[in-house]
PDB file of N, CA and C in Angstrom:
ATOM      1  N   MET A   1      13.349   1.854  -9.443  1.00  0.00           N
ATOM      2  CA  MET A   1      12.283   1.230  -9.742  1.00  0.00           C
ATOM      3  C   MET A   1      12.427   1.798 -11.217  1.00  0.00           C
ATOM      4  N   ASN A   2      12.213   0.977 -12.273  1.00  0.00           N
ATOM      5  CA  ASN A   2      11.791   1.345 -13.762  1.00  0.00           C
ATOM      6  C   ASN A   2      10.538   2.408 -13.612  1.00  0.00           C
ATOM      7  N   ALA A   3      10.640   3.670 -14.740  1.00  0.00           N
ATOM      8  CA  ALA A   3       9.244   4.384 -15.157  1.00  0.00           C
ATOM      9  C   ALA A   3       9.189   3.744 -16.419  1.00  0.00           C
ATOM     10  N   TRP A   4       7.604   3.618 -16.457  1.00  0.00           N
ATOM     11  CA  TRP A   4       6.964   3.574 -17.787  1.00  0.00           C
ATOM     12  C   TRP A   4       6.126   4.872 -18.193  1.00  0.00           C
ATOM     13  N   LYS A   5       5.933   5.345 -19.444  1.00  0.00           N
ATOM     14  CA  LYS A   5       4.916   6.354 -19.836  1.00  0.00           C
ATOM     15  C   LYS A   5       4.072   4.841 -20.085  1.00  0.00           C
ATOM     16  N   LEU A   6       2.520   5.111 -19.875  1.00  0.00           N
ATOM     17  CA  LEU A   6       1.619   4.915 -20.496  1.00  0.00           C
ATOM     18  C   LEU A   6       1.247   4.004 -21.541  1.00  0.00           C
ATOM     19  N   GLU A   7       1.977   5.016 -22.148  1.00  0.00           N
ATOM     20  CA  GLU A   7       1.900   3.936 -23.636  1.00  0.00           C
ATOM     21  C   GLU A   7       2.918   3.252 -23.906  1.00  0.00           C
ATOM     22  N   SER A   8       3.958   3.347 -23.182  1.00  0.00           N
ATOM     23  CA  SER A   8       5.296   2.266 -23.540  1.00  0.00           C
ATOM     24  C   SER A   8       4.956   1.125 -22.950  1.00  0.00           C
ATOM     25  N   ALA A   9       4.034   1.140 -21.949  1.00  0.00           N
ATOM     26  CA  ALA A   9       3.898   0.228 -21.050  1.00  0.00           C
ATOM     27  C   ALA A   9       2.459  -0.440 -21.790  1.00  0.00           C
ATOM     28  N   LYS A  10       1.867  -0.373 -21.971  1.00  0.00           N
ATOM     29  CA  LYS A  10       0.409  -0.801 -23.347  1.00  0.00           C
ATOM     30  C   LYS A  10       1.538  -1.402 -23.853  1.00  0.00           C
ATOM     31  N   ALA A  11       2.181  -0.636 -24.841  1.00  0.00           N
ATOM     32  CA  ALA A  11       3.022  -1.596 -26.274  1.00  0.00           C
ATOM     33  C   ALA A  11       3.838  -2.518 -26.023  1.00  0.00           C
ATOM     34  N   ARG A  12       4.368  -2.744 -24.460  1.00  0.00           N
ATOM     35  CA  ARG A  12       5.451  -3.974 -24.219  1.00  0.00           C
ATOM     36  C   ARG A  12       4.798  -4.318 -22.587  1.00  0.00           C
ATOM     37  N   LEU A  13       3.810  -5.122 -22.813  1.00  0.00           N
ATOM     38  CA  LEU A  13       3.210  -5.577 -21.128  1.00  0.00           C
ATOM     39  C   LEU A  13       3.763  -6.614 -20.995  1.00  0.00           C
ATOM     40  N   SER A  14       4.281  -7.137 -22.077  1.00  0.00           N
ATOM     41  CA  SER A  14       4.695  -8.705 -21.801  1.00  0.00           C
ATOM     42  C   SER A  14       6.279  -8.316 -21.181  1.00  0.00           C
ATOM     43  N   GLU A  15       6.855  -7.551 -21.261  1.00  0.00           N
ATOM     44  CA  GLU A  15       8.075  -6.908 -20.496  1.00  0.00           C
ATOM     45  C   GLU A  15       8.532  -6.032 -19.554  1.00  0.00           C
ATOM     46  N   VAL A  16       6.869  -5.093 -19.277  1.00  0.00           N
ATOM     47  CA  VAL A  16       6.717  -4.526 -18.094  1.00  0.00           C
ATOM     48  C   VAL A  16       6.485  -5.545 -16.638  1.00  0.00           C
ATOM     49  N   VAL A  17       5.853  -6.871 -17.307  1.00  0.00           N
ATOM     50  CA  VAL A  17       5.661  -7.684 -16.074  1.00  0.00           C
ATOM     51  C   VAL A  17       6.652  -8.767 -15.917  1.00  0.00           C
ATOM     52  N   ARG A  18       7.842  -9.210 -17.057  1.00  0.00           N
ATOM     53  CA  ARG A  18       8.732  -9.757 -16.953  1.00  0.00           C
ATOM     54  C   ARG A  18       9.429  -9.094 -15.688  1.00  0.00           C
ATOM     55  N   GLN A  19       9.485  -7.689 -16.144  1.00  0.00           N
ATOM     56  CA  GLN A  19      10.838  -6.550 -15.424  1.00  0.00           C
ATOM     57  C   GLN A  19      10.080  -6.979 -13.814  1.00  0.00           C
ATOM     58  N   ALA A  20       9.037  -6.909 -13.825  1.00  0.00           N
ATOM     59  CA  ALA A  20       7.988  -6.414 -12.555  1.00  0.00           C
ATOM     60  C   ALA A  20       8.765  -8.172 -11.741  1.00  0.00           C
ATOM     61  N   ARG A  21       8.830  -8.810 -12.238  1.00  0.00           N
ATOM     62  CA  ARG A  21       9.248 -10.472 -11.722  1.00  0.00           C
ATOM     63  C   ARG A  21      10.969 -10.674 -11.742  1.00  0.00           C
ATOM     64  N   ASP A  22      11.367 -10.053 -12.768  1.00  0.00           N
ATOM     65  CA  ASP A  22      12.781  -9.866 -12.666  1.00  0.00           C
ATOM     66  C   ASP A  22      13.591  -9.301 -11.227  1.00  0.00           C
ATOM     67  N   GLU A  23      13.438  -7.774 -11.712  1.00  0.00           N
ATOM     68  CA  GLU A  23      13.934  -6.547 -11.287  1.00  0.00           C
ATOM     69  C   GLU A  23      13.608  -6.036  -9.921  1.00  0.00           C
ATOM     70  N   GLY A  24      12.007  -6.443 -10.161  1.00  0.00           N
ATOM     71  CA  GLY A  24      11.341  -5.574  -9.075  1.00  0.00           C
ATOM     72  C   GLY A  24      10.149  -4.516  -9.813  1.00  0.00           C
ATOM     73  N   PRO A  25       9.407  -3.923  -8.448  1.00  0.00           N
ATOM     74  CA  PRO A  25       8.562  -3.077  -9.094  1.00  0.00           C
ATOM     75  C   PRO A  25       8.979  -1.794 -10.980  1.00  0.00           C
ATOM     76  N   GLN A  26       7.575  -1.682 -11.245  1.00  0.00           N
ATOM     77  CA  GLN A  26       7.533  -0.744 -12.805  1.00  0.00           C
ATOM     78  C   GLN A  26       6.452  -0.058 -12.043  1.00  0.00           C
ATOM     79  N   THR A  27       7.053   1.344 -12.486  1.00  0.00           N
ATOM     80  CA  THR A  27       6.188   2.457 -11.813  1.00  0.00           C
ATOM     81  C   THR A  27       5.691   2.499 -13.420  1.00  0.00           C
ATOM     82  N   ILE A  28       3.993   2.668 -13.249  1.00  0.00           N
ATOM     83  CA  ILE A  28       4.296   3.518 -14.828  1.00  0.00           C
ATOM     84  C   ILE A  28       2.998   5.036 -14.690  1.00  0.00           C
ATOM     85  N   THR A  29       3.397   5.765 -15.673  1.00  0.00           N
ATOM     86  CA  THR A  29       3.425   6.989 -15.592  1.00  0.00           C
ATOM     87  C   THR A  29       2.760   8.025 -16.556  1.00  0.00           C
ATOM     88  N   VAL A  30       1.687   8.618 -15.812  1.00  0.00           N
ATOM     89  CA  VAL A  30       0.719   9.046 -16.957  1.00  0.00           C
ATOM     90  C   VAL A  30       0.757  10.798 -16.487  1.00  0.00           C
ATOM     91  N   ARG A  31       1.104  11.322 -17.845  1.00  0.00           N
ATOM     92  CA  ARG A  31       0.992  12.839 -17.735  1.00  0.00           C
ATOM     93  C   ARG A  31       2.216  12.838 -17.123  1.00  0.00           C
ATOM     94  N   GLY A  32       3.458  12.187 -17.325  1.00  0.00           N
ATOM     95  CA  GLY A  32       4.751  12.474 -16.174  1.00  0.00           C
ATOM     96  C   GLY A  32       4.761  12.569 -15.166  1.00  0.00           C
ATOM     97  N   ARG A  33       3.612  11.985 -14.491  1.00  0.00           N
ATOM     98  CA  ARG A  33       3.376  11.793 -13.336  1.00  0.00           C
ATOM     99  C   ARG A  33       2.841  10.318 -12.644  1.00  0.00           C
ATOM    100  N   GLU A  34       3.440   9.545 -11.562  1.00  0.00           N
ATOM    101  CA  GLU A  34       3.229   8.051 -11.420  1.00  0.00           C
ATOM    102  C   GLU A  34       1.945   7.515 -10.845  1.00  0.00           C
ATOM    103  N   ALA A  35       1.375   6.889 -11.581  1.00  0.00           N
ATOM    104  CA  ALA A  35       0.035   6.687 -11.930  1.00  0.00           C
ATOM    105  C   ALA A  35      -0.212   4.930 -10.854  1.00  0.00           C
ATOM    106  N   ALA A  36       0.800   4.098 -11.377  1.00  0.00           N
ATOM    107  CA  ALA A  36       0.693   2.764 -11.120  1.00  0.00           C
ATOM    108  C   ALA A  36       2.138   2.530 -10.869  1.00  0.00           C
ATOM    109  N   VAL A  37       1.696   0.680 -10.045  1.00  0.00           N
ATOM    110  CA  VAL A  37       3.036  -0.106 -10.091  1.00  0.00           C
ATOM    111  C   VAL A  37       2.454  -1.241  -9.610  1.00  0.00           C
ATOM    112  N   VAL A  38       3.619  -1.618 -11.106  1.00  0.00           N
ATOM    113  CA  VAL A  38       3.021  -3.389 -11.243  1.00  0.00           C
ATOM    114  C   VAL A  38       4.161  -4.142 -10.415  1.00  0.00           C
ATOM    115  N   VAL A  39       3.772  -5.128  -9.892  1.00  0.00           N
ATOM    116  CA  VAL A  39       4.610  -5.927  -8.738  1.00  0.00           C
ATOM    117  C   VAL A  39       4.669  -7.576  -9.452  1.00  0.00           C
ATOM    118  N   SER A  40       5.947  -7.789  -8.877  1.00  0.00           N
ATOM    119  CA  SER A  40       5.037  -8.917  -8.681  1.00  0.00           C
ATOM    120  C   SER A  40       4.439  -9.997  -8.220  1.00  0.00           C
ATOM    121  N   THR A  41       3.823 -11.673  -8.597  1.00  0.00           N
ATOM    122  CA  THR A  41       3.139 -11.900  -7.723  1.00  0.00           C
ATOM    123  C   THR A  41       3.862 -11.940  -5.893  1.00  0.00           C
ATOM    124  N   GLU A  42       4.900 -12.529  -5.981  1.00  0.00           N
ATOM    125  CA  GLU A  42       5.408 -12.773  -4.904  1.00  0.00           C
ATOM    126  C   GLU A  42       5.793 -12.022  -4.088  1.00  0.00           C
ATOM    127  N   GLU A  43       6.283 -10.464  -4.522  1.00  0.00           N
ATOM    128  CA  GLU A  43       5.745  -9.477  -3.738  1.00  0.00           C
ATOM    129  C   GLU A  43       4.483  -8.919  -3.025  1.00  0.00           C
ATOM    130  N   TYR A  44       3.634  -8.808  -4.177  1.00  0.00           N
ATOM    131  CA  TYR A  44       2.087  -8.783  -3.520  1.00  0.00           C
ATOM    132  C   TYR A  44       1.838  -9.177  -2.544  1.00  0.00           C
ATOM    133  N   ARG A  45       2.153 -10.732  -2.672  1.00  0.00           N
ATOM    134  CA  ARG A  45       1.452 -11.651  -1.483  1.00  0.00           C
ATOM    135  C   ARG A  45       2.595 -11.117  -0.455  1.00  0.00           C
ATOM    136  N   ARG A  46       3.389 -10.432  -0.587  1.00  0.00           N
ATOM    137  CA  ARG A  46       4.453 -10.627   0.840  1.00  0.00           C
ATOM    138  C   ARG A  46       4.109  -9.082   1.664  1.00  0.00           C
ATOM    139  N   LEU A  47       3.482  -8.483   0.998  1.00  0.00           N
ATOM    140  CA  LEU A  47       3.067  -7.239   0.866  1.00  0.00           C
ATOM    141  C   LEU A  47       1.738  -7.210   1.796  1.00  0.00           C
ATOM    142  N   LYS A  48       0.985  -8.180   1.146  1.00  0.00           N
ATOM    143  CA  LYS A  48      -0.625  -8.709   1.909  1.00  0.00           C
ATOM    144  C   LYS A  48      -0.219  -8.976   3.087  1.00  0.00           C
ATOM    145  N   GLY A  49       0.559  -9.947   3.032  1.00  0.00           N
ATOM    146  CA  GLY A  49       1.142 -10.798   4.374  1.00  0.00           C
ATOM    147  C   GLY A  49       1.175 -12.240   4.200  1.00  0.00           C
ATOM    148  N   GLY A  50       1.291 -12.792   3.297  1.00  0.00           N
ATOM    149  CA  GLY A  50       1.372 -13.787   2.549  1.00  0.00           C
ATOM    150  C   GLY A  50       0.185 -14.619   2.195  1.00  0.00           C
ATOM    151  N   ASP A  51      -0.687 -14.750   3.539  1.00  0.00           N
ATOM    152  CA  ASP A  51      -1.912 -15.323   3.092  1.00  0.00           C
ATOM    153  C   ASP A  51      -2.893 -14.721   2.216  1.00  0.00           C
ATOM    154  N   GLY A  52      -2.974 -13.283   1.354  1.00  0.00           N
ATOM    155  CA  GLY A  52      -3.485 -12.317   1.039  1.00  0.00           C
ATOM    156  C   GLY A  52      -4.805 -12.125   1.940  1.00  0.00           C
ATOM    157  N   LYS A  53      -4.991 -12.189   3.129  1.00  0.00           N
ATOM    158  CA  LYS A  53      -6.264 -11.520   3.612  1.00  0.00           C
ATOM    159  C   LYS A  53      -5.334 -10.075   4.375  1.00  0.00           C
ATOM    160  N   HIS A  54      -5.825  -8.725   4.369  1.00  0.00           N
ATOM    161  CA  HIS A  54      -6.023  -7.521   4.702  1.00  0.00           C
ATOM    162  C   HIS A  54      -5.759  -7.962   6.082  1.00  0.00           C
ATOM    163  N   TRP A  55      -4.621  -6.537   6.704  1.00  0.00           N
ATOM    164  CA  TRP A  55      -4.302  -6.849   7.736  1.00  0.00           C
ATOM    165  C   TRP A  55      -5.576  -6.310   9.016  1.00  0.00           C
ATOM    166  N   VAL A  56      -6.400  -5.999   8.236  1.00  0.00           N
ATOM    167  CA  VAL A  56      -7.870  -5.437   9.222  1.00  0.00           C
ATOM    168  C   VAL A  56      -8.425  -6.833   9.572  1.00  0.00           C
ATOM    169  N   ASP A  57      -8.484  -7.862   8.436  1.00  0.00           N
ATOM    170  CA  ASP A  57      -9.126  -8.998   8.685  1.00  0.00           C
ATOM    171  C   ASP A  57      -8.437  -9.679   9.281  1.00  0.00           C
ATOM    172  N   ARG A  58      -7.468  -9.498   9.326  1.00  0.00           N
ATOM    173  CA  ARG A  58      -6.634 -10.774  10.620  1.00  0.00           C
ATOM    174  C   ARG A  58      -6.675  -9.958  11.738  1.00  0.00           C
ATOM    175  N   LEU A  59      -6.738  -8.739  12.270  1.00  0.00           N
ATOM    176  CA  LEU A  59      -7.397  -8.003  13.516  1.00  0.00           C
ATOM    177  C   LEU A  59      -8.551  -8.672  14.138  1.00  0.00           C
ATOM    178  N   ARG A  60      -9.131  -8.902  12.603  1.00  0.00           N
ATOM    179  CA  ARG A  60     -10.905  -9.010  13.009  1.00  0.00           C
ATOM    180  C   ARG A  60     -11.146 -10.514  13.717  1.00  0.00           C
ATOM    181  N   ALA A  61     -10.006 -11.244  13.447  1.00  0.00           N
ATOM    182  CA  ALA A  61     -10.224 -12.625  13.621  1.00  0.00           C
ATOM    183  C   ALA A  61      -9.641 -13.061  15.049  1.00  0.00           C
ATOM    184  N   ILE A  62      -8.747 -11.914  15.318  1.00  0.00           N
ATOM    185  CA  ILE A  62      -8.505 -12.053  16.777  1.00  0.00           C
ATOM    186  C   ILE A  62      -9.500 -12.359  17.854  1.00  0.00           C
ATOM    187  N   GLY A  63     -10.679 -11.482  17.168  1.00  0.00           N
ATOM    188  CA  GLY A  63     -11.512 -11.064  18.367  1.00  0.00           C
ATOM    189  C   GLY A  63     -11.895 -10.078  19.062  1.00  0.00           C
ATOM    190  N   PRO A  64     -12.918  -9.427  19.592  1.00  0.00           N
ATOM    191  CA  PRO A  64     -12.945  -8.473  20.532  1.00  0.00           C
ATOM    192  C   PRO A  64     -12.037  -8.471  21.457  1.00  0.00           C
ATOM    193  N   ILE A  65     -11.150  -7.353  22.247  1.00  0.00           N
ATOM    194  CA  ILE A  65     -10.283  -7.030  23.146  1.00  0.00           C
ATOM    195  C   ILE A  65     -10.914  -6.197  24.143  1.00  0.00           C
ATOM    196  N   ASP A  66     -10.855  -6.102  25.268  1.00  0.00           N
ATOM    197  CA  ASP A  66     -10.766  -5.765  26.553  1.00  0.00           C
ATOM    198  C   ASP A  66      -9.989  -4.605  26.533  1.00  0.00           C
ATOM    199  N   PHE A  67     -10.450  -3.129  26.343  1.00  0.00           N
ATOM    200  CA  PHE A  67      -9.031  -2.235  26.552  1.00  0.00           C
ATOM    201  C   PHE A  67      -9.962  -1.447  28.009  1.00  0.00           C
ATOM    202  N   GLU A  68      -9.338  -0.628  28.184  1.00  0.00           N
ATOM    203  CA  GLU A  68      -9.858   0.438  29.376  1.00  0.00           C
ATOM    204  C   GLU A  68      -8.882   1.590  29.196  1.00  0.00           C
ATOM    205  N   PHE A  69      -9.949   2.633  28.798  1.00  0.00           N
ATOM    206  CA  PHE A  69      -8.984   3.977  29.348  1.00  0.00           C
ATOM    207  C   PHE A  69      -9.783   4.418  29.238  1.00  0.00           C
ATOM    208  N   GLU A  70      -8.355   5.483  30.331  1.00  0.00           N
ATOM    209  CA  GLU A  70      -8.793   6.429  30.978  1.00  0.00           C
ATOM    210  C   GLU A  70      -8.900   7.970  30.895  1.00  0.00           C
ATOM    211  N   ARG A  71      -9.402   9.051  30.607  1.00  0.00           N
ATOM    212  CA  ARG A  71      -9.987  10.325  29.939  1.00  0.00           C
ATOM    213  C   ARG A  71      -9.322  11.300  30.989  1.00  0.00           C
ATOM    214  N   ASP A  72      -8.168  11.987  30.407  1.00  0.00           N
ATOM    215  CA  ASP A  72      -7.688  12.928  31.505  1.00  0.00           C
ATOM    216  C   ASP A  72      -8.877  14.011  31.631  1.00  0.00           C
ATOM    217  N   PRO A  73      -8.435  14.450  32.838  1.00  0.00           N
ATOM    218  CA  PRO A  73     -10.026  15.230  33.388  1.00  0.00           C
ATOM    219  C   PRO A  73      -9.609  16.941  32.320  1.00  0.00           C
ATOM    220  N   ASP A  74      -8.369  16.575  32.442  1.00  0.00           N
ATOM    221  CA  ASP A  74      -7.593  18.528  32.049  1.00  0.00           C
ATOM    222  C   ASP A  74      -8.195  18.750  30.668  1.00  0.00           C
ATOM    223  N   THR A  75      -9.892  19.999  30.774  1.00  0.00           N
ATOM    224  CA  THR A  75     -10.174  20.290  29.807  1.00  0.00           C
ATOM    225  C   THR A  75      -9.987  21.758  29.114  1.00  0.00           C
ATOM    226  N   GLY A  76      -8.337  21.531  29.184  1.00  0.00           N
ATOM    227  CA  GLY A  76      -7.506  22.836  28.460  1.00  0.00           C
ATOM    228  C   GLY A  76      -7.211  23.774  29.342  1.00  0.00           C
ATOM    229  N   ARG A  77      -6.988  25.313  29.126  1.00  0.00           N
ATOM    230  CA  ARG A  77      -6.691  26.148  30.221  1.00  0.00           C
ATOM    231  C   ARG A  77      -7.851  27.384  29.737  1.00  0.00           C
ATOM    232  N   ASP A  78      -7.428  28.021  30.315  1.00  0.00           N
ATOM    233  CA  ASP A  78      -8.424  29.990  30.435  1.00  0.00           C
ATOM    234  C   ASP A  78      -7.369  30.884  29.568  1.00  0.00           C
ATOM    235  N   ILE A  79      -8.208  31.667  28.700  1.00  0.00           N
ATOM    236  CA  ILE A  79      -7.080  32.119  27.951  1.00  0.00           C
ATOM    237  C   ILE A  79      -8.043  33.301  28.014  1.00  0.00           C
ATOM    238  N   ASP A  80      -7.267  34.408  28.505  1.00  0.00           N
ATOM    239  CA  ASP A  80      -8.021  35.884  28.647  1.00  0.00           C
ATOM    240  C   ASP A  80      -7.375  36.679  27.230  1.00  0.00           C
ATOM    241  N   LEU A  81      -8.701  37.115  26.961  1.00  0.00           N
ATOM    242  CA  LEU A  81      -8.748  37.880  25.623  1.00  0.00           C
ATOM    243  C   LEU A  81      -9.049  39.301  25.598  1.00  0.00           C
TER     244      LEU A  81
END
């Protein structure tokens, strides 16, 4: 993954976008620390699951699922102090 200083990324945004599309994610750093990643639209959609929905929204669309949980009656152990 290529790393760009923020100043360079701003000055060469077209290049950053092209490389994100052609070569993969591009990291942008601020004061030497990773601050952001530029990815292609295709990569973004793949990471989001293809349809642009968040995984939580997909789970909510399934509807309620009836779960029964049993709680262990163990409340711990006695400790002599």
